[in-house]
Amino acid sequence: MTNNRKPSKARLAKIRLMIFDFDGVLTDNFVFVGEDGEKIKRFWVPDGVGIFMGHLAGIKFAIITGNQDRTTRTRAEFLRIDDVFQGAFDKKIAYQELKAKHQVTDAECLVIGDDVQDRPILELAGISVAPCDANPAMKKIAAWVGQSPGGRGIVREAIDAVLAARGYVWPPPTEGNE
């Protein structure tokens, strides 16, 4: 049985740091490989827009991934995500470093992960989220299984929930048009 219900607004409003696995969360797990070996991955633009909105609201973002390809770094730079841990096979180490750096507690962290290597940090985070197409074991342990799949909206779904819990309205009202 999976949990498809969003956490309470009170829990969501506490989130100050959002941590993502990369493949299967920010991507849809497809990798195109060219003849020269270059890897090409695709991204869901609304996820990126959500990250930019989150930056404006003061949320910090990080990526913890086992992969070590350039695509991850390039996407993170574009999204202005400074904290990127690649080749992270023990994700708990990176998670603890991030908590210390940003001076946050587990309750202030939201982690989105889709597969077994994410389990240790899904179990630590105040809110753990799995995409609807995640590994079945991860969907069982996640506090919240989103309606969106990895690489196609799960990041935006989580960000929108945190911002809504904080009372943010997008787009913000313009002067005189409130």
C-alpha atoms as a PDB file:
ATOM      1  CA  MET A   1       0.000   0.000   0.000  1.00  0.00           C
ATOM      2  CA  THR A   2       1.361   3.388  -0.934  1.00  0.00           C
ATOM      3  CA  ASN A   3       0.668   6.738   0.646  1.00  0.00           C
ATOM      4  CA  ASN A   4      -0.801   9.109  -1.922  1.00  0.00           C
ATOM      5  CA  ARG A   5      -1.762  11.813   0.555  1.00  0.00           C
ATOM      6  CA  LYS A   6       0.234  14.998   0.849  1.00  0.00           C
ATOM      7  CA  PRO A   7       1.712  15.703   4.281  1.00  0.00           C
ATOM      8  CA  SER A   8      -0.041  18.341   6.351  1.00  0.00           C
ATOM      9  CA  LYS A   9       0.375  22.010   5.539  1.00  0.00           C
ATOM     10  CA  ALA A  10       2.161  22.472   8.858  1.00  0.00           C
ATOM     11  CA  ARG A  11       4.801  19.868   7.936  1.00  0.00           C
ATOM     12  CA  LEU A  12       5.178  21.179   4.387  1.00  0.00           C
ATOM     13  CA  ALA A  13       5.544  24.796   5.551  1.00  0.00           C
ATOM     14  CA  LYS A  14       8.616  23.815   7.631  1.00  0.00           C
ATOM     15  CA  ILE A  15      10.629  22.702   4.587  1.00  0.00           C
ATOM     16  CA  ARG A  16      13.769  24.792   4.018  1.00  0.00           C
ATOM     17  CA  LEU A  17      15.886  22.326   2.022  1.00  0.00           C
ATOM     18  CA  MET A  18      14.745  20.110  -0.847  1.00  0.00           C
ATOM     19  CA  ILE A  19      17.058  17.308  -1.953  1.00  0.00           C
ATOM     20  CA  PHE A  20      16.649  15.382  -5.184  1.00  0.00           C
ATOM     21  CA  ASP A  21      18.078  12.255  -6.661  1.00  0.00           C
ATOM     22  CA  PHE A  22      18.824  13.015 -10.306  1.00  0.00           C
ATOM     23  CA  ASP A  23      17.901  10.162 -12.651  1.00  0.00           C
ATOM     24  CA  GLY A  24      14.272   9.210 -12.124  1.00  0.00           C
ATOM     25  CA  VAL A  25      13.486  12.449 -10.282  1.00  0.00           C
ATOM     26  CA  LEU A  26      14.800  15.346 -12.372  1.00  0.00           C
ATOM     27  CA  THR A  27      14.885  13.070 -15.439  1.00  0.00           C
ATOM     28  CA  ASP A  28      12.461  10.457 -16.690  1.00  0.00           C
ATOM     29  CA  ASN A  29      15.179   7.759 -16.497  1.00  0.00           C
ATOM     30  CA  PHE A  30      15.724   7.764 -20.259  1.00  0.00           C
ATOM     31  CA  VAL A  31      19.269   8.249 -21.528  1.00  0.00           C
ATOM     32  CA  PHE A  32      20.023   8.817 -25.186  1.00  0.00           C
ATOM     33  CA  VAL A  33      23.567   7.849 -26.145  1.00  0.00           C
ATOM     34  CA  GLY A  34      25.121   9.231 -29.300  1.00  0.00           C
ATOM     35  CA  GLU A  35      27.636   7.407 -31.471  1.00  0.00           C
ATOM     36  CA  ASP A  36      30.409   9.338 -29.770  1.00  0.00           C
ATOM     37  CA  GLY A  37      29.195   8.173 -26.352  1.00  0.00           C
ATOM     38  CA  GLU A  38      27.667  11.505 -25.383  1.00  0.00           C
ATOM     39  CA  LYS A  39      24.735  11.072 -22.993  1.00  0.00           C
ATOM     40  CA  ILE A  40      21.656  13.182 -23.533  1.00  0.00           C
ATOM     41  CA  LYS A  41      18.876  13.370 -20.967  1.00  0.00           C
ATOM     42  CA  ARG A  42      15.592  15.206 -21.131  1.00  0.00           C
ATOM     43  CA  PHE A  43      14.043  17.454 -18.514  1.00  0.00           C
ATOM     44  CA  TRP A  44      10.556  18.694 -17.689  1.00  0.00           C
ATOM     45  CA  VAL A  45      10.630  22.489 -17.958  1.00  0.00           C
ATOM     46  CA  PRO A  46       7.912  23.048 -15.295  1.00  0.00           C
ATOM     47  CA  ASP A  47      10.172  21.293 -12.744  1.00  0.00           C
ATOM     48  CA  GLY A  48      12.848  23.890 -13.483  1.00  0.00           C
ATOM     49  CA  VAL A  49      10.345  26.734 -13.234  1.00  0.00           C
ATOM     50  CA  GLY A  50       9.314  25.379  -9.838  1.00  0.00           C
ATOM     51  CA  ILE A  51      12.923  25.400  -8.669  1.00  0.00           C
ATOM     52  CA  PHE A  52      13.295  29.031  -9.728  1.00  0.00           C
ATOM     53  CA  MET A  53      10.080  29.884  -7.836  1.00  0.00           C
ATOM     54  CA  GLY A  54      11.443  28.029  -4.807  1.00  0.00           C
ATOM     55  CA  HIS A  55      14.660  30.058  -4.959  1.00  0.00           C
ATOM     56  CA  LEU A  56      12.568  33.239  -4.820  1.00  0.00           C
ATOM     57  CA  ALA A  57      10.847  31.889  -1.705  1.00  0.00           C
ATOM     58  CA  GLY A  58      14.174  31.153  -0.008  1.00  0.00           C
ATOM     59  CA  ILE A  59      14.158  27.374  -0.357  1.00  0.00           C
ATOM     60  CA  LYS A  60      17.563  25.726  -0.760  1.00  0.00           C
ATOM     61  CA  PHE A  61      18.014  22.882  -3.253  1.00  0.00           C
ATOM     62  CA  ALA A  62      20.520  20.063  -3.578  1.00  0.00           C
ATOM     63  CA  ILE A  63      21.168  16.999  -5.712  1.00  0.00           C
ATOM     64  CA  ILE A  64      22.575  13.754  -4.348  1.00  0.00           C
ATOM     65  CA  THR A  65      23.192  11.193  -7.076  1.00  0.00           C
ATOM     66  CA  GLY A  66      25.246   8.133  -7.771  1.00  0.00           C
ATOM     67  CA  ASN A  67      25.876   9.192 -11.369  1.00  0.00           C
ATOM     68  CA  GLN A  68      28.953  11.140 -12.403  1.00  0.00           C
ATOM     69  CA  ASP A  69      28.020  12.529 -15.805  1.00  0.00           C
ATOM     70  CA  ARG A  70      28.357  16.108 -17.044  1.00  0.00           C
ATOM     71  CA  THR A  71      24.623  16.385 -17.703  1.00  0.00           C
ATOM     72  CA  THR A  72      23.940  16.522 -13.966  1.00  0.00           C
ATOM     73  CA  ARG A  73      26.403  19.373 -13.375  1.00  0.00           C
ATOM     74  CA  THR A  74      25.175  21.285 -16.440  1.00  0.00           C
ATOM     75  CA  ARG A  75      21.519  21.057 -15.369  1.00  0.00           C
ATOM     76  CA  ALA A  76      22.350  21.987 -11.778  1.00  0.00           C
ATOM     77  CA  GLU A  77      24.282  25.059 -12.925  1.00  0.00           C
ATOM     78  CA  PHE A  78      21.376  26.166 -15.115  1.00  0.00           C
ATOM     79  CA  LEU A  79      18.943  25.742 -12.185  1.00  0.00           C
ATOM     80  CA  ARG A  80      21.367  27.513  -9.796  1.00  0.00           C
ATOM     81  CA  ILE A  81      21.639  24.451  -7.557  1.00  0.00           C
ATOM     82  CA  ASP A  82      25.007  24.841  -5.872  1.00  0.00           C
ATOM     83  CA  ASP A  83      24.991  21.718  -3.720  1.00  0.00           C
ATOM     84  CA  VAL A  84      25.589  18.740  -6.012  1.00  0.00           C
ATOM     85  CA  PHE A  85      26.976  15.444  -4.775  1.00  0.00           C
ATOM     86  CA  GLN A  86      27.841  13.099  -7.638  1.00  0.00           C
ATOM     87  CA  GLY A  87      29.154   9.561  -7.269  1.00  0.00           C
ATOM     88  CA  ALA A  88      27.403   9.458  -3.889  1.00  0.00           C
ATOM     89  CA  PHE A  89      26.927   5.801  -3.097  1.00  0.00           C
ATOM     90  CA  ASP A  90      26.369   6.399   0.615  1.00  0.00           C
ATOM     91  CA  LYS A  91      23.852   9.209   0.320  1.00  0.00           C
ATOM     92  CA  LYS A  92      23.599   9.616   4.107  1.00  0.00           C
ATOM     93  CA  ILE A  93      27.037  11.255   4.202  1.00  0.00           C
ATOM     94  CA  ALA A  94      26.027  13.944   1.702  1.00  0.00           C
ATOM     95  CA  TYR A  95      22.662  14.372   3.452  1.00  0.00           C
ATOM     96  CA  GLN A  96      24.362  15.024   6.820  1.00  0.00           C
ATOM     97  CA  GLU A  97      26.792  17.501   5.189  1.00  0.00           C
ATOM     98  CA  LEU A  98      23.882  19.400   3.666  1.00  0.00           C
ATOM     99  CA  LYS A  99      22.018  19.558   6.969  1.00  0.00           C
ATOM    100  CA  ALA A 100      25.100  20.956   8.704  1.00  0.00           C
ATOM    101  CA  LYS A 101      25.875  23.451   5.929  1.00  0.00           C
ATOM    102  CA  HIS A 102      22.335  24.840   5.834  1.00  0.00           C
ATOM    103  CA  GLN A 103      21.723  24.434   9.585  1.00  0.00           C
ATOM    104  CA  VAL A 104      18.494  22.506   9.140  1.00  0.00           C
ATOM    105  CA  THR A 105      16.914  19.586  10.947  1.00  0.00           C
ATOM    106  CA  ASP A 106      15.452  16.446   9.401  1.00  0.00           C
ATOM    107  CA  ALA A 107      11.982  17.991   9.808  1.00  0.00           C
ATOM    108  CA  GLU A 108      13.061  20.872   7.545  1.00  0.00           C
ATOM    109  CA  CYS A 109      14.248  18.553   4.744  1.00  0.00           C
ATOM    110  CA  LEU A 110      12.204  17.096   1.910  1.00  0.00           C
ATOM    111  CA  VAL A 111      13.828  14.343  -0.161  1.00  0.00           C
ATOM    112  CA  ILE A 112      12.565  13.016  -3.487  1.00  0.00           C
ATOM    113  CA  GLY A 113      13.933   9.628  -4.485  1.00  0.00           C
ATOM    114  CA  ASP A 114      12.827   6.855  -6.788  1.00  0.00           C
ATOM    115  CA  ASP A 115      15.000   3.796  -6.250  1.00  0.00           C
ATOM    116  CA  VAL A 116      16.692   1.652  -3.603  1.00  0.00           C
ATOM    117  CA  GLN A 117      19.871   3.753  -3.341  1.00  0.00           C
ATOM    118  CA  ASP A 118      17.686   6.625  -2.064  1.00  0.00           C
ATOM    119  CA  ARG A 119      16.199   4.633   0.807  1.00  0.00           C
ATOM    120  CA  PRO A 120      18.630   5.782   3.534  1.00  0.00           C
ATOM    121  CA  ILE A 121      17.848   9.460   3.021  1.00  0.00           C
ATOM    122  CA  LEU A 122      14.152   8.903   2.385  1.00  0.00           C
ATOM    123  CA  GLU A 123      14.044   7.325   5.845  1.00  0.00           C
ATOM    124  CA  LEU A 124      15.815  10.304   7.463  1.00  0.00           C
ATOM    125  CA  ALA A 125      14.017  13.242   5.859  1.00  0.00           C
ATOM    126  CA  GLY A 126      11.125  14.984   7.531  1.00  0.00           C
ATOM    127  CA  ILE A 127       9.151  14.473   4.325  1.00  0.00           C
ATOM    128  CA  SER A 128      10.045  11.727   1.869  1.00  0.00           C
ATOM    129  CA  VAL A 129       8.500  11.779  -1.584  1.00  0.00           C
ATOM    130  CA  ALA A 130       8.480   9.171  -4.341  1.00  0.00           C
ATOM    131  CA  PRO A 131       7.318   9.725  -7.912  1.00  0.00           C
ATOM    132  CA  CYS A 132       4.322   7.637  -8.964  1.00  0.00           C
ATOM    133  CA  ASP A 133       6.620   5.509 -11.154  1.00  0.00           C
ATOM    134  CA  ALA A 134       9.212   4.872  -8.428  1.00  0.00           C
ATOM    135  CA  ASN A 135      10.442   1.450  -7.392  1.00  0.00           C
ATOM    136  CA  PRO A 136       7.556  -0.229  -5.516  1.00  0.00           C
ATOM    137  CA  ALA A 137       9.675  -0.632  -2.356  1.00  0.00           C
ATOM    138  CA  MET A 138      10.371   3.115  -2.290  1.00  0.00           C
ATOM    139  CA  LYS A 139       6.695   3.901  -2.735  1.00  0.00           C
ATOM    140  CA  LYS A 140       6.014   1.829   0.375  1.00  0.00           C
ATOM    141  CA  ILE A 141       8.466   3.740   2.569  1.00  0.00           C
ATOM    142  CA  ALA A 142       7.853   7.258   1.220  1.00  0.00           C
ATOM    143  CA  ALA A 143       5.639   9.475   3.335  1.00  0.00           C
ATOM    144  CA  TRP A 144       4.051  10.757   0.136  1.00  0.00           C
ATOM    145  CA  VAL A 145       3.789   9.224  -3.324  1.00  0.00           C
ATOM    146  CA  GLY A 146       3.107  12.021  -5.760  1.00  0.00           C
ATOM    147  CA  GLN A 147       0.717  11.931  -8.681  1.00  0.00           C
ATOM    148  CA  SER A 148       3.525  12.816 -11.103  1.00  0.00           C
ATOM    149  CA  PRO A 149       6.240  10.568 -12.501  1.00  0.00           C
ATOM    150  CA  GLY A 150       9.962  11.189 -12.265  1.00  0.00           C
ATOM    151  CA  GLY A 151      11.245  13.746 -14.734  1.00  0.00           C
ATOM    152  CA  ARG A 152       7.705  14.784 -15.588  1.00  0.00           C
ATOM    153  CA  GLY A 153       6.428  16.868 -12.726  1.00  0.00           C
ATOM    154  CA  ILE A 154       7.252  15.298  -9.352  1.00  0.00           C
ATOM    155  CA  VAL A 155       9.668  18.103  -8.478  1.00  0.00           C
ATOM    156  CA  ARG A 156       7.138  20.801  -9.365  1.00  0.00           C
ATOM    157  CA  GLU A 157       4.380  18.951  -7.492  1.00  0.00           C
ATOM    158  CA  ALA A 158       6.451  18.936  -4.296  1.00  0.00           C
ATOM    159  CA  ILE A 159       7.584  22.555  -4.654  1.00  0.00           C
ATOM    160  CA  ASP A 160       4.031  23.737  -5.327  1.00  0.00           C
ATOM    161  CA  ALA A 161       2.856  21.921  -2.193  1.00  0.00           C
ATOM    162  CA  VAL A 162       5.540  23.558  -0.025  1.00  0.00           C
ATOM    163  CA  LEU A 163       4.858  27.013  -1.451  1.00  0.00           C
ATOM    164  CA  ALA A 164       1.079  26.609  -1.064  1.00  0.00           C
ATOM    165  CA  ALA A 165       1.571  25.540   2.559  1.00  0.00           C
ATOM    166  CA  ARG A 166       3.505  28.769   3.115  1.00  0.00           C
ATOM    167  CA  GLY A 167       0.679  30.778   1.537  1.00  0.00           C
ATOM    168  CA  TYR A 168       2.544  31.777  -1.624  1.00  0.00           C
ATOM    169  CA  VAL A 169       0.393  32.751  -4.573  1.00  0.00           C
ATOM    170  CA  TRP A 170       1.895  32.493  -8.052  1.00  0.00           C
ATOM    171  CA  PRO A 171       2.268  34.696  -9.803  1.00  0.00           C
ATOM    172  CA  PRO A 172       2.571  37.256  -7.038  1.00  0.00           C
ATOM    173  CA  PRO A 173      -0.012  40.041  -7.248  1.00  0.00           C
ATOM    174  CA  THR A 174       1.208  43.114  -9.120  1.00  0.00           C
ATOM    175  CA  GLU A 175       0.900  46.541  -7.623  1.00  0.00           C
ATOM    176  CA  GLY A 176      -2.606  47.886  -7.995  1.00  0.00           C
ATOM    177  CA  ASN A 177      -4.001  44.551  -9.189  1.00  0.00           C
ATOM    178  CA  GLU A 178      -4.360  42.808  -5.892  1.00  0.00           C
END
